[in-house]
Amino acid sequence: MPERFLLQILRNLVAHGILGSTRGVEGGYTLERAPEEISLLQVIEAIEGPLTAALPAGEGLPEESRTRLEQALGEVTQAARRELEAIKLAHLLPRPPSPEARTLGGASSSLPEELPR
C-alpha cells in the first residue's frame, strides 16, 4: 500500500476521533476510545464517507420501478448499517488464550479456538 494512501487513511481516522496522533520520535497513532466503543461502521465511514443507498442513473426505468428500487436499496443499506454498527473493534481483535489452553510452562497451546457460530 502506498505510504501517501495509508497516511490519508490515518488522517481520516484522526479527524473522526477514532485515532489520536502524536508527533516526534516517540510519536505514533493510538486509539482515542476503547475498542468496545468503536464500531466497524465508524471506521468504514471515516475512510470511505457515509454509507448511503446511492442509486446509479436509472434512465429508462419506469417511475414506479425506480421508486421500488430506491426503497429496496435503502432497506439493504439500513440493514448493513445496523450490522456494521454492532461489530466493534474488540470483536475483531485476537482473543487471549484461555487458561485451559495454556501449558504448564506458560506457552500457549497450538490448538485453534472454537469459532462463534
N, C-alpha and C. Protein backbone atom coordinates (compact mmCIF):
# COMPACT_ATOMS: atom_id res chain seq x y z
N MET A 1 0.85 -1.16 0.00
CA MET A 1 0.00 0.00 0.00
C MET A 1 0.90 1.23 0.00
N PRO A 2 0.66 2.17 -0.89
CA PRO A 2 1.49 3.37 -0.93
C PRO A 2 1.39 4.16 0.38
N GLU A 3 2.50 4.71 0.81
CA GLU A 3 2.56 5.44 2.07
C GLU A 3 1.60 6.63 2.09
N ARG A 4 1.48 7.34 0.98
CA ARG A 4 0.57 8.50 0.92
C ARG A 4 -0.88 8.07 1.15
N PHE A 5 -1.26 6.93 0.60
CA PHE A 5 -2.62 6.42 0.77
C PHE A 5 -2.86 6.04 2.23
N LEU A 6 -1.90 5.36 2.84
CA LEU A 6 -2.01 4.97 4.24
C LEU A 6 -2.09 6.20 5.14
N LEU A 7 -1.27 7.22 4.87
CA LEU A 7 -1.31 8.44 5.67
C LEU A 7 -2.66 9.15 5.55
N GLN A 8 -3.27 9.11 4.38
CA GLN A 8 -4.60 9.73 4.20
C GLN A 8 -5.64 8.98 5.04
N ILE A 9 -5.57 7.66 5.06
CA ILE A 9 -6.49 6.87 5.87
C ILE A 9 -6.30 7.21 7.35
N LEU A 10 -5.06 7.26 7.80
CA LEU A 10 -4.78 7.59 9.19
C LEU A 10 -5.28 9.00 9.53
N ARG A 11 -5.10 9.95 8.63
CA ARG A 11 -5.59 11.32 8.86
C ARG A 11 -7.11 11.33 9.00
N ASN A 12 -7.79 10.57 8.16
CA ASN A 12 -9.26 10.49 8.24
C ASN A 12 -9.70 9.89 9.57
N LEU A 13 -9.00 8.86 10.03
CA LEU A 13 -9.34 8.23 11.31
C LEU A 13 -9.10 9.20 12.47
N VAL A 14 -8.06 10.02 12.37
CA VAL A 14 -7.79 11.04 13.39
C VAL A 14 -8.90 12.09 13.35
N ALA A 15 -9.25 12.56 12.16
CA ALA A 15 -10.26 13.61 12.01
C ALA A 15 -11.62 13.17 12.55
N HIS A 16 -11.90 11.87 12.52
CA HIS A 16 -13.18 11.34 13.00
C HIS A 16 -13.11 10.89 14.46
N GLY A 17 -12.00 11.17 15.13
CA GLY A 17 -11.89 10.87 16.55
C GLY A 17 -11.71 9.40 16.89
N ILE A 18 -11.28 8.62 15.91
CA ILE A 18 -11.04 7.19 16.16
C ILE A 18 -9.60 6.98 16.62
N LEU A 19 -8.68 7.68 15.98
CA LEU A 19 -7.28 7.62 16.36
C LEU A 19 -6.82 8.98 16.87
N GLY A 20 -5.79 8.96 17.68
CA GLY A 20 -5.08 10.16 18.06
C GLY A 20 -3.68 10.05 17.51
N SER A 21 -3.07 11.17 17.17
CA SER A 21 -1.71 11.11 16.65
C SER A 21 -0.80 11.97 17.51
N THR A 22 0.43 11.49 17.67
CA THR A 22 1.44 12.19 18.43
C THR A 22 2.67 12.29 17.55
N ARG A 23 3.19 13.50 17.42
CA ARG A 23 4.38 13.72 16.60
C ARG A 23 5.64 13.43 17.40
N GLY A 24 6.72 13.28 16.70
CA GLY A 24 8.02 13.16 17.34
C GLY A 24 8.55 11.75 17.35
N VAL A 25 9.72 11.61 17.95
CA VAL A 25 10.42 10.33 17.99
C VAL A 25 9.58 9.26 18.67
N GLU A 26 8.92 9.63 19.75
CA GLU A 26 8.08 8.68 20.48
C GLU A 26 6.63 8.72 19.99
N GLY A 27 6.38 9.39 18.88
CA GLY A 27 5.04 9.59 18.37
C GLY A 27 4.48 8.36 17.68
N GLY A 28 3.27 8.52 17.22
CA GLY A 28 2.59 7.45 16.51
C GLY A 28 1.09 7.66 16.61
N TYR A 29 0.35 6.58 16.43
CA TYR A 29 -1.11 6.62 16.46
C TYR A 29 -1.62 5.71 17.56
N THR A 30 -2.66 6.18 18.24
CA THR A 30 -3.30 5.39 19.29
C THR A 30 -4.82 5.50 19.15
N LEU A 31 -5.53 4.50 19.66
CA LEU A 31 -6.98 4.58 19.67
C LEU A 31 -7.40 5.67 20.66
N GLU A 32 -8.38 6.45 20.28
CA GLU A 32 -8.89 7.50 21.16
C GLU A 32 -9.92 6.97 22.15
N ARG A 33 -10.54 5.85 21.82
CA ARG A 33 -11.55 5.24 22.68
C ARG A 33 -11.25 3.75 22.80
N ALA A 34 -11.92 3.11 23.71
CA ALA A 34 -11.75 1.66 23.88
C ALA A 34 -12.26 0.94 22.63
N PRO A 35 -11.65 -0.19 22.27
CA PRO A 35 -12.09 -0.95 21.09
C PRO A 35 -13.57 -1.36 21.17
N GLU A 36 -14.09 -1.50 22.37
CA GLU A 36 -15.50 -1.87 22.54
C GLU A 36 -16.44 -0.72 22.17
N GLU A 37 -15.90 0.49 22.04
CA GLU A 37 -16.71 1.67 21.74
C GLU A 37 -16.63 2.12 20.29
N ILE A 38 -15.79 1.46 19.50
CA ILE A 38 -15.58 1.87 18.10
C ILE A 38 -16.18 0.80 17.20
N SER A 39 -17.16 1.21 16.39
CA SER A 39 -17.82 0.24 15.50
C SER A 39 -17.11 0.18 14.15
N LEU A 40 -17.32 -0.93 13.49
CA LEU A 40 -16.79 -1.10 12.14
C LEU A 40 -17.41 -0.06 11.20
N LEU A 41 -18.68 0.28 11.44
CA LEU A 41 -19.33 1.31 10.62
C LEU A 41 -18.59 2.65 10.76
N GLN A 42 -18.20 3.01 11.99
CA GLN A 42 -17.49 4.27 12.19
C GLN A 42 -16.16 4.28 11.43
N VAL A 43 -15.46 3.17 11.45
CA VAL A 43 -14.17 3.09 10.74
C VAL A 43 -14.39 3.20 9.24
N ILE A 44 -15.35 2.45 8.72
CA ILE A 44 -15.63 2.48 7.28
C ILE A 44 -16.03 3.87 6.83
N GLU A 45 -16.93 4.50 7.58
CA GLU A 45 -17.39 5.83 7.18
C GLU A 45 -16.30 6.89 7.33
N ALA A 46 -15.39 6.71 8.27
CA ALA A 46 -14.27 7.64 8.41
C ALA A 46 -13.36 7.57 7.19
N ILE A 47 -13.23 6.38 6.63
CA ILE A 47 -12.32 6.19 5.49
C ILE A 47 -13.03 6.45 4.16
N GLU A 48 -14.23 5.91 4.01
CA GLU A 48 -14.92 5.94 2.71
C GLU A 48 -15.99 7.01 2.59
N GLY A 49 -16.42 7.58 3.71
CA GLY A 49 -17.55 8.52 3.69
C GLY A 49 -18.82 7.79 4.09
N PRO A 50 -19.93 8.52 4.19
CA PRO A 50 -21.18 7.92 4.66
C PRO A 50 -21.65 6.76 3.78
N LEU A 51 -22.14 5.72 4.45
CA LEU A 51 -22.69 4.57 3.76
C LEU A 51 -24.13 4.89 3.42
N THR A 52 -24.40 5.12 2.15
CA THR A 52 -25.73 5.51 1.71
C THR A 52 -26.19 4.60 0.58
N ALA A 53 -27.48 4.67 0.32
CA ALA A 53 -28.06 3.89 -0.78
C ALA A 53 -28.02 4.75 -2.04
N ALA A 54 -26.91 4.72 -2.73
CA ALA A 54 -26.77 5.51 -3.94
C ALA A 54 -27.31 4.72 -5.13
N LEU A 55 -28.26 5.29 -5.79
CA LEU A 55 -28.86 4.64 -6.95
C LEU A 55 -28.16 5.15 -8.21
N PRO A 56 -27.61 4.22 -9.01
CA PRO A 56 -27.00 4.67 -10.26
C PRO A 56 -28.07 5.26 -11.17
N ALA A 57 -27.64 5.96 -12.17
CA ALA A 57 -28.59 6.57 -13.10
C ALA A 57 -29.59 5.52 -13.56
N GLY A 58 -30.84 5.78 -13.31
CA GLY A 58 -31.89 4.82 -13.65
C GLY A 58 -32.68 5.24 -14.87
N GLU A 59 -31.98 5.81 -15.80
CA GLU A 59 -32.65 6.26 -17.02
C GLU A 59 -33.30 5.07 -17.70
N GLY A 60 -34.50 5.27 -18.16
CA GLY A 60 -35.22 4.21 -18.86
C GLY A 60 -36.07 3.37 -17.93
N LEU A 61 -35.91 3.52 -16.62
CA LEU A 61 -36.75 2.78 -15.67
C LEU A 61 -38.07 3.51 -15.48
N PRO A 62 -39.16 2.79 -15.46
CA PRO A 62 -40.43 3.44 -15.13
C PRO A 62 -40.35 3.99 -13.70
N GLU A 63 -41.06 5.08 -13.45
CA GLU A 63 -41.00 5.76 -12.15
C GLU A 63 -41.33 4.80 -11.00
N GLU A 64 -42.32 3.95 -11.17
CA GLU A 64 -42.70 3.01 -10.10
C GLU A 64 -41.56 2.03 -9.81
N SER A 65 -40.90 1.53 -10.85
CA SER A 65 -39.77 0.61 -10.66
C SER A 65 -38.61 1.32 -9.97
N ARG A 66 -38.35 2.54 -10.38
CA ARG A 66 -37.26 3.31 -9.77
C ARG A 66 -37.54 3.53 -8.27
N THR A 67 -38.78 3.87 -7.94
CA THR A 67 -39.16 4.09 -6.55
C THR A 67 -38.98 2.81 -5.74
N ARG A 68 -39.41 1.69 -6.28
CA ARG A 68 -39.25 0.41 -5.58
C ARG A 68 -37.78 0.05 -5.40
N LEU A 69 -36.99 0.29 -6.42
CA LEU A 69 -35.56 0.01 -6.34
C LEU A 69 -34.89 0.89 -5.27
N GLU A 70 -35.24 2.16 -5.25
CA GLU A 70 -34.70 3.07 -4.24
C GLU A 70 -35.08 2.60 -2.84
N GLN A 71 -36.31 2.17 -2.66
CA GLN A 71 -36.77 1.69 -1.35
C GLN A 71 -36.00 0.43 -0.96
N ALA A 72 -35.84 -0.51 -1.88
CA ALA A 72 -35.13 -1.75 -1.59
C ALA A 72 -33.67 -1.47 -1.22
N LEU A 73 -33.02 -0.60 -1.98
CA LEU A 73 -31.62 -0.26 -1.68
C LEU A 73 -31.51 0.47 -0.34
N GLY A 74 -32.48 1.28 -0.01
CA GLY A 74 -32.49 1.96 1.28
C GLY A 74 -32.60 0.97 2.43
N GLU A 75 -33.45 -0.03 2.28
CA GLU A 75 -33.62 -1.05 3.31
C GLU A 75 -32.35 -1.88 3.48
N VAL A 76 -31.72 -2.23 2.37
CA VAL A 76 -30.47 -3.00 2.42
C VAL A 76 -29.38 -2.17 3.10
N THR A 77 -29.30 -0.91 2.77
CA THR A 77 -28.29 -0.03 3.37
C THR A 77 -28.52 0.10 4.87
N GLN A 78 -29.77 0.29 5.28
CA GLN A 78 -30.05 0.41 6.71
C GLN A 78 -29.71 -0.87 7.46
N ALA A 79 -29.99 -2.03 6.86
CA ALA A 79 -29.64 -3.31 7.49
C ALA A 79 -28.12 -3.45 7.60
N ALA A 80 -27.40 -3.06 6.55
CA ALA A 80 -25.93 -3.12 6.58
C ALA A 80 -25.38 -2.18 7.65
N ARG A 81 -25.96 -0.98 7.77
CA ARG A 81 -25.51 -0.02 8.78
C ARG A 81 -25.71 -0.59 10.18
N ARG A 82 -26.87 -1.21 10.43
CA ARG A 82 -27.13 -1.81 11.75
C ARG A 82 -26.12 -2.90 12.07
N GLU A 83 -25.86 -3.77 11.10
CA GLU A 83 -24.92 -4.88 11.31
C GLU A 83 -23.50 -4.36 11.54
N LEU A 84 -23.07 -3.40 10.75
CA LEU A 84 -21.72 -2.85 10.89
C LEU A 84 -21.57 -2.07 12.20
N GLU A 85 -22.63 -1.42 12.64
CA GLU A 85 -22.59 -0.69 13.92
C GLU A 85 -22.47 -1.66 15.08
N ALA A 86 -23.03 -2.86 14.94
CA ALA A 86 -22.99 -3.86 16.02
C ALA A 86 -21.62 -4.51 16.16
N ILE A 87 -20.81 -4.47 15.12
CA ILE A 87 -19.48 -5.08 15.17
C ILE A 87 -18.49 -4.04 15.70
N LYS A 88 -17.92 -4.30 16.84
CA LYS A 88 -16.96 -3.39 17.46
C LYS A 88 -15.54 -3.88 17.18
N LEU A 89 -14.58 -2.98 17.23
CA LEU A 89 -13.18 -3.36 17.01
C LEU A 89 -12.77 -4.48 17.96
N ALA A 90 -13.30 -4.46 19.17
CA ALA A 90 -12.95 -5.50 20.15
C ALA A 90 -13.31 -6.90 19.63
N HIS A 91 -14.38 -6.99 18.81
CA HIS A 91 -14.77 -8.28 18.25
C HIS A 91 -13.74 -8.80 17.23
N LEU A 92 -12.96 -7.92 16.68
CA LEU A 92 -12.01 -8.29 15.63
C LEU A 92 -10.61 -8.57 16.15
N LEU A 93 -10.37 -8.26 17.41
CA LEU A 93 -9.04 -8.48 18.00
C LEU A 93 -8.87 -9.94 18.39
N PRO A 94 -7.64 -10.44 18.35
CA PRO A 94 -7.41 -11.82 18.77
C PRO A 94 -7.77 -11.98 20.25
N ARG A 95 -8.34 -13.11 20.56
CA ARG A 95 -8.68 -13.40 21.96
C ARG A 95 -7.44 -13.89 22.69
N PRO A 96 -7.31 -13.49 23.95
CA PRO A 96 -6.19 -14.04 24.72
C PRO A 96 -6.43 -15.53 24.95
N PRO A 97 -5.37 -16.31 25.07
CA PRO A 97 -5.56 -17.75 25.27
C PRO A 97 -6.29 -18.00 26.59
N SER A 98 -7.18 -18.97 26.57
CA SER A 98 -7.92 -19.33 27.79
C SER A 98 -6.98 -20.07 28.73
N PRO A 99 -7.30 -20.06 30.03
CA PRO A 99 -6.43 -20.77 30.99
C PRO A 99 -6.27 -22.25 30.64
N GLU A 100 -7.33 -22.86 30.07
CA GLU A 100 -7.27 -24.28 29.71
C GLU A 100 -6.30 -24.53 28.55
N ALA A 101 -6.07 -23.52 27.73
CA ALA A 101 -5.21 -23.70 26.56
C ALA A 101 -3.73 -23.56 26.90
N ARG A 102 -3.43 -23.09 28.09
CA ARG A 102 -2.03 -22.88 28.48
C ARG A 102 -1.42 -24.18 28.98
N THR A 103 -0.16 -24.32 28.71
CA THR A 103 0.56 -25.47 29.23
C THR A 103 1.22 -25.09 30.54
N LEU A 104 1.83 -26.03 31.22
CA LEU A 104 2.48 -25.75 32.50
C LEU A 104 3.59 -24.74 32.36
N GLY A 105 4.24 -24.69 31.23
CA GLY A 105 5.35 -23.76 31.03
C GLY A 105 4.90 -22.36 30.68
N GLY A 106 3.59 -22.13 30.55
CA GLY A 106 3.08 -20.81 30.24
C GLY A 106 2.93 -20.54 28.76
N ALA A 107 3.39 -21.47 27.91
CA ALA A 107 3.25 -21.27 26.47
C ALA A 107 1.84 -21.65 26.06
N SER A 108 1.35 -21.02 25.02
CA SER A 108 0.01 -21.31 24.53
C SER A 108 -0.02 -22.62 23.78
N SER A 109 -1.16 -23.26 23.84
CA SER A 109 -1.37 -24.47 23.07
C SER A 109 -1.51 -24.11 21.60
N SER A 110 -1.19 -25.01 20.71
CA SER A 110 -1.34 -24.74 19.29
C SER A 110 -2.72 -25.13 18.79
N LEU A 111 -3.62 -25.54 19.69
CA LEU A 111 -4.97 -25.91 19.28
C LEU A 111 -5.75 -24.65 18.94
N PRO A 112 -6.52 -24.67 17.83
CA PRO A 112 -7.29 -23.48 17.46
C PRO A 112 -8.46 -23.29 18.41
N GLU A 113 -8.82 -22.01 18.62
CA GLU A 113 -10.00 -21.70 19.42
C GLU A 113 -11.25 -21.98 18.60
N GLU A 114 -12.33 -22.31 19.29
CA GLU A 114 -13.60 -22.55 18.59
C GLU A 114 -14.13 -21.24 18.06
N LEU A 115 -14.62 -21.25 16.83
CA LEU A 115 -15.17 -20.05 16.22
C LEU A 115 -16.61 -19.87 16.65
N PRO A 116 -17.09 -18.63 16.81
CA PRO A 116 -18.50 -18.43 17.14
C PRO A 116 -19.38 -18.86 15.99
N ARG A 117 -20.56 -19.32 16.34
CA ARG A 117 -21.50 -19.75 15.28
C ARG A 117 -22.49 -18.69 14.97
